Amino acid sequence: MRGTEGAKRVSRIVVLAAGNDARGDDGIGPCLATRLSALGLPGVTVLDAFQFQVENALDLDGVDAALFIDAHRSQIEDVVLAPVAPAAAVAVQSHALSPAEVLRVREQIGEAVPPCWLLSVRGDDFSLGTGLGEPAVRRLEAAWDELRRWLAERA
């Protein structure tokens, strides 16, 4: 195509953040989503929800990469960024899914799974009616740095 030589193609990226900012450290995902949305980056779609659901499998249509963000109390490390692959099966007991289960649903409906990662941030207190604790605020900043690095590698 004429005039496009040397032009950089904008990646199509979706960032799916889960969490509830009314439940203490569970608000890490929504905080990161809000901060990222405010940047208005071209090609980056940010979705924020209380939990990952089967419908998120459709949010991966036409993207080059996806990043799931969530807070977890079960991990030792403060911030972990790792690739995520489809799960072997999907638990049917709940509407809430893990990122790997979302990818499994995508496979089950016959759609290709784009490269995906999970940015997991350790949380300590998920009490209703509380904000982020001081350790979570520090982890949020570390996660923000990791998120920006991840995006820069794909821009």
C-alpha atoms as a PDB file:
ATOM      1  CA  MET A   1       0.000   0.000   0.000  1.00  0.00           C
ATOM      2  CA  ARG A   2       1.244   3.391  -0.905  1.00  0.00           C
ATOM      3  CA  GLY A   3       2.275   5.749   1.882  1.00  0.00           C
ATOM      4  CA  THR A   4       2.284   3.132   4.618  1.00  0.00           C
ATOM      5  CA  GLU A   5       5.852   1.933   4.282  1.00  0.00           C
ATOM      6  CA  GLY A   6       7.636   2.421   7.547  1.00  0.00           C
ATOM      7  CA  ALA A   7       4.371   3.230   9.330  1.00  0.00           C
ATOM      8  CA  LYS A   8       3.997   1.408  12.608  1.00  0.00           C
ATOM      9  CA  ARG A   9       0.856  -0.678  12.951  1.00  0.00           C
ATOM     10  CA  VAL A  10      -1.053  -0.117  16.179  1.00  0.00           C
ATOM     11  CA  SER A  11      -1.601  -3.343  18.068  1.00  0.00           C
ATOM     12  CA  ARG A  12      -5.104  -4.201  19.118  1.00  0.00           C
ATOM     13  CA  ILE A  13      -4.914  -4.958  22.821  1.00  0.00           C
ATOM     14  CA  VAL A  14      -7.615  -5.680  25.357  1.00  0.00           C
ATOM     15  CA  VAL A  15      -7.015  -5.319  29.089  1.00  0.00           C
ATOM     16  CA  LEU A  16      -9.589  -7.030  31.295  1.00  0.00           C
ATOM     17  CA  ALA A  17      -9.455  -6.020  34.947  1.00  0.00           C
ATOM     18  CA  ALA A  18     -11.460  -7.754  37.666  1.00  0.00           C
ATOM     19  CA  GLY A  19     -12.171  -6.559  41.160  1.00  0.00           C
ATOM     20  CA  ASN A  20     -14.360  -4.496  43.422  1.00  0.00           C
ATOM     21  CA  ASP A  21     -13.090  -1.176  44.737  1.00  0.00           C
ATOM     22  CA  ALA A  22     -15.517  -1.444  47.679  1.00  0.00           C
ATOM     23  CA  ARG A  23     -13.687  -4.544  48.932  1.00  0.00           C
ATOM     24  CA  GLY A  24     -10.281  -3.337  50.065  1.00  0.00           C
ATOM     25  CA  ASP A  25      -7.358  -4.688  48.082  1.00  0.00           C
ATOM     26  CA  ASP A  26      -9.744  -6.225  45.543  1.00  0.00           C
ATOM     27  CA  GLY A  27      -9.833  -2.692  44.133  1.00  0.00           C
ATOM     28  CA  ILE A  28      -6.352  -3.050  42.647  1.00  0.00           C
ATOM     29  CA  GLY A  29      -7.708  -4.229  39.268  1.00  0.00           C
ATOM     30  CA  PRO A  30     -10.248  -1.385  38.937  1.00  0.00           C
ATOM     31  CA  CYS A  31      -7.604   1.167  39.992  1.00  0.00           C
ATOM     32  CA  LEU A  32      -5.236  -0.014  37.273  1.00  0.00           C
ATOM     33  CA  ALA A  33      -8.077  -0.054  34.726  1.00  0.00           C
ATOM     34  CA  THR A  34      -9.063   3.523  35.578  1.00  0.00           C
ATOM     35  CA  ARG A  35      -5.478   4.722  35.343  1.00  0.00           C
ATOM     36  CA  LEU A  36      -4.955   2.981  32.005  1.00  0.00           C
ATOM     37  CA  SER A  37      -8.263   4.218  30.558  1.00  0.00           C
ATOM     38  CA  ALA A  38      -7.305   7.799  31.406  1.00  0.00           C
ATOM     39  CA  LEU A  39      -4.324   7.525  29.042  1.00  0.00           C
ATOM     40  CA  GLY A  40      -6.613   6.978  26.046  1.00  0.00           C
ATOM     41  CA  LEU A  41      -4.064   4.831  24.233  1.00  0.00           C
ATOM     42  CA  PRO A  42      -4.937   4.040  20.609  1.00  0.00           C
ATOM     43  CA  GLY A  43      -5.620   0.362  20.018  1.00  0.00           C
ATOM     44  CA  VAL A  44      -6.051  -0.396  23.733  1.00  0.00           C
ATOM     45  CA  THR A  45      -9.486  -1.357  25.033  1.00  0.00           C
ATOM     46  CA  VAL A  46      -9.899  -1.485  28.810  1.00  0.00           C
ATOM     47  CA  LEU A  47     -12.711  -3.501  30.382  1.00  0.00           C
ATOM     48  CA  ASP A  48     -13.416  -3.402  34.113  1.00  0.00           C
ATOM     49  CA  ALA A  49     -15.759  -5.853  35.865  1.00  0.00           C
ATOM     50  CA  PHE A  50     -16.294  -7.443  39.261  1.00  0.00           C
ATOM     51  CA  GLN A  51     -15.261 -10.840  37.907  1.00  0.00           C
ATOM     52  CA  PHE A  52     -14.264 -12.599  34.709  1.00  0.00           C
ATOM     53  CA  GLN A  53     -17.205 -14.267  32.973  1.00  0.00           C
ATOM     54  CA  VAL A  54     -17.920 -16.453  29.948  1.00  0.00           C
ATOM     55  CA  GLU A  55     -18.839 -13.351  27.929  1.00  0.00           C
ATOM     56  CA  ASN A  56     -15.237 -12.161  28.203  1.00  0.00           C
ATOM     57  CA  ALA A  57     -14.339 -14.873  25.686  1.00  0.00           C
ATOM     58  CA  LEU A  58     -16.005 -12.664  23.053  1.00  0.00           C
ATOM     59  CA  ASP A  59     -14.016  -9.607  24.177  1.00  0.00           C
ATOM     60  CA  LEU A  60     -10.942 -11.267  22.660  1.00  0.00           C
ATOM     61  CA  ASP A  61     -12.281 -11.052  19.088  1.00  0.00           C
ATOM     62  CA  GLY A  62      -9.772  -9.460  16.728  1.00  0.00           C
ATOM     63  CA  VAL A  63      -7.109  -8.643  19.319  1.00  0.00           C
ATOM     64  CA  ASP A  64      -3.382  -9.186  19.014  1.00  0.00           C
ATOM     65  CA  ALA A  65      -2.863  -9.654  22.758  1.00  0.00           C
ATOM     66  CA  ALA A  66      -4.846  -9.665  25.995  1.00  0.00           C
ATOM     67  CA  LEU A  67      -3.948  -8.899  29.570  1.00  0.00           C
ATOM     68  CA  PHE A  68      -6.052  -9.996  32.519  1.00  0.00           C
ATOM     69  CA  ILE A  69      -5.558  -8.123  35.817  1.00  0.00           C
ATOM     70  CA  ASP A  70      -6.702  -9.349  39.225  1.00  0.00           C
ATOM     71  CA  ALA A  71      -5.769  -9.256  42.896  1.00  0.00           C
ATOM     72  CA  HIS A  72      -5.096 -12.505  44.765  1.00  0.00           C
ATOM     73  CA  ARG A  73      -4.478 -13.222  48.403  1.00  0.00           C
ATOM     74  CA  SER A  74      -3.019 -16.662  47.784  1.00  0.00           C
ATOM     75  CA  GLN A  75       0.241 -15.642  46.124  1.00  0.00           C
ATOM     76  CA  ILE A  76       3.555 -14.942  47.816  1.00  0.00           C
ATOM     77  CA  GLU A  77       5.047 -12.487  45.306  1.00  0.00           C
ATOM     78  CA  ASP A  78       3.761  -8.908  45.239  1.00  0.00           C
ATOM     79  CA  VAL A  79       3.298  -8.747  41.459  1.00  0.00           C
ATOM     80  CA  VAL A  80       3.400 -11.589  38.941  1.00  0.00           C
ATOM     81  CA  LEU A  81       3.083 -11.170  35.181  1.00  0.00           C
ATOM     82  CA  ALA A  82       2.881 -14.493  33.380  1.00  0.00           C
ATOM     83  CA  PRO A  83       1.453 -15.963  30.199  1.00  0.00           C
ATOM     84  CA  VAL A  84      -1.876 -17.709  30.617  1.00  0.00           C
ATOM     85  CA  ALA A  85      -3.095 -20.665  28.572  1.00  0.00           C
ATOM     86  CA  PRO A  86      -6.554 -22.187  28.275  1.00  0.00           C
ATOM     87  CA  ALA A  87      -7.670 -24.393  31.153  1.00  0.00           C
ATOM     88  CA  ALA A  88      -8.360 -28.067  30.564  1.00  0.00           C
ATOM     89  CA  ALA A  89     -11.969 -27.562  31.710  1.00  0.00           C
ATOM     90  CA  VAL A  90     -14.355 -24.912  32.970  1.00  0.00           C
ATOM     91  CA  ALA A  91     -15.911 -25.244  36.418  1.00  0.00           C
ATOM     92  CA  VAL A  92     -19.683 -24.906  36.209  1.00  0.00           C
ATOM     93  CA  GLN A  93     -20.353 -23.989  39.832  1.00  0.00           C
ATOM     94  CA  SER A  94     -20.107 -20.222  39.388  1.00  0.00           C
ATOM     95  CA  HIS A  95     -20.441 -17.374  36.931  1.00  0.00           C
ATOM     96  CA  ALA A  96     -16.926 -16.244  37.892  1.00  0.00           C
ATOM     97  CA  LEU A  97     -14.114 -17.723  35.807  1.00  0.00           C
ATOM     98  CA  SER A  98     -10.348 -17.641  35.938  1.00  0.00           C
ATOM     99  CA  PRO A  99      -8.555 -16.145  32.929  1.00  0.00           C
ATOM    100  CA  ALA A 100      -7.560 -19.676  31.883  1.00  0.00           C
ATOM    101  CA  GLU A 101     -11.223 -20.712  31.967  1.00  0.00           C
ATOM    102  CA  VAL A 102     -12.187 -17.696  29.836  1.00  0.00           C
ATOM    103  CA  LEU A 103      -9.652 -18.891  27.273  1.00  0.00           C
ATOM    104  CA  ARG A 104     -11.058 -22.429  27.443  1.00  0.00           C
ATOM    105  CA  VAL A 105     -14.542 -21.048  26.703  1.00  0.00           C
ATOM    106  CA  ARG A 106     -13.051 -19.263  23.700  1.00  0.00           C
ATOM    107  CA  GLU A 107     -11.665 -22.560  22.418  1.00  0.00           C
ATOM    108  CA  GLN A 108     -14.995 -24.278  23.046  1.00  0.00           C
ATOM    109  CA  ILE A 109     -16.827 -21.789  20.839  1.00  0.00           C
ATOM    110  CA  GLY A 110     -14.295 -22.416  18.069  1.00  0.00           C
ATOM    111  CA  GLU A 111     -12.421 -19.128  18.245  1.00  0.00           C
ATOM    112  CA  ALA A 112      -8.658 -18.613  18.171  1.00  0.00           C
ATOM    113  CA  VAL A 113      -6.999 -17.683  21.447  1.00  0.00           C
ATOM    114  CA  PRO A 114      -4.677 -14.675  21.181  1.00  0.00           C
ATOM    115  CA  PRO A 115      -1.507 -14.448  23.269  1.00  0.00           C
ATOM    116  CA  CYS A 116      -2.663 -13.725  26.825  1.00  0.00           C
ATOM    117  CA  TRP A 117      -1.077 -12.806  30.134  1.00  0.00           C
ATOM    118  CA  LEU A 118      -2.232 -12.438  33.717  1.00  0.00           C
ATOM    119  CA  LEU A 119      -1.010  -9.572  35.883  1.00  0.00           C
ATOM    120  CA  SER A 120      -1.672 -10.816  39.385  1.00  0.00           C
ATOM    121  CA  VAL A 121      -1.194  -8.509  42.361  1.00  0.00           C
ATOM    122  CA  ARG A 122      -1.130  -9.744  45.942  1.00  0.00           C
ATOM    123  CA  GLY A 123      -3.836  -8.378  48.194  1.00  0.00           C
ATOM    124  CA  ASP A 124      -4.151  -8.783  51.947  1.00  0.00           C
ATOM    125  CA  ASP A 125      -7.476  -7.316  53.030  1.00  0.00           C
ATOM    126  CA  PHE A 126     -10.627  -7.809  50.947  1.00  0.00           C
ATOM    127  CA  SER A 127     -13.041  -6.490  53.591  1.00  0.00           C
ATOM    128  CA  LEU A 128     -16.237  -4.827  52.436  1.00  0.00           C
ATOM    129  CA  GLY A 129     -16.251  -1.062  52.815  1.00  0.00           C
ATOM    130  CA  THR A 130     -12.501  -0.570  53.013  1.00  0.00           C
ATOM    131  CA  GLY A 131     -10.070   0.985  50.565  1.00  0.00           C
ATOM    132  CA  LEU A 132      -6.657  -0.166  49.478  1.00  0.00           C
ATOM    133  CA  GLY A 133      -4.274  -0.836  52.332  1.00  0.00           C
ATOM    134  CA  GLU A 134      -0.826   0.772  52.386  1.00  0.00           C
ATOM    135  CA  PRO A 135       0.937  -2.418  51.177  1.00  0.00           C
ATOM    136  CA  ALA A 136      -1.591  -2.674  48.328  1.00  0.00           C
ATOM    137  CA  VAL A 137      -0.885   0.922  47.276  1.00  0.00           C
ATOM    138  CA  ARG A 138       2.822   0.056  46.967  1.00  0.00           C
ATOM    139  CA  ARG A 139       1.989  -3.102  45.011  1.00  0.00           C
ATOM    140  CA  LEU A 140      -0.339  -1.090  42.788  1.00  0.00           C
ATOM    141  CA  GLU A 141       2.591   1.130  41.769  1.00  0.00           C
ATOM    142  CA  ALA A 142       4.771  -1.896  41.034  1.00  0.00           C
ATOM    143  CA  ALA A 143       1.936  -3.427  38.993  1.00  0.00           C
ATOM    144  CA  TRP A 144       1.495  -0.133  37.105  1.00  0.00           C
ATOM    145  CA  ASP A 145       5.173  -0.221  36.144  1.00  0.00           C
ATOM    146  CA  GLU A 146       4.833  -3.835  34.987  1.00  0.00           C
ATOM    147  CA  LEU A 147       1.684  -2.992  32.999  1.00  0.00           C
ATOM    148  CA  ARG A 148       3.401  -0.086  31.239  1.00  0.00           C
ATOM    149  CA  ARG A 149       6.387  -2.307  30.341  1.00  0.00           C
ATOM    150  CA  TRP A 150       4.041  -4.955  28.977  1.00  0.00           C
ATOM    151  CA  LEU A 151       2.212  -2.385  26.836  1.00  0.00           C
ATOM    152  CA  ALA A 152       5.450  -0.828  25.580  1.00  0.00           C
ATOM    153  CA  GLU A 153       6.594  -4.234  24.313  1.00  0.00           C
ATOM    154  CA  ARG A 154       3.423  -4.503  22.221  1.00  0.00           C
ATOM    155  CA  ALA A 155       2.983  -0.937  20.971  1.00  0.00           C
END
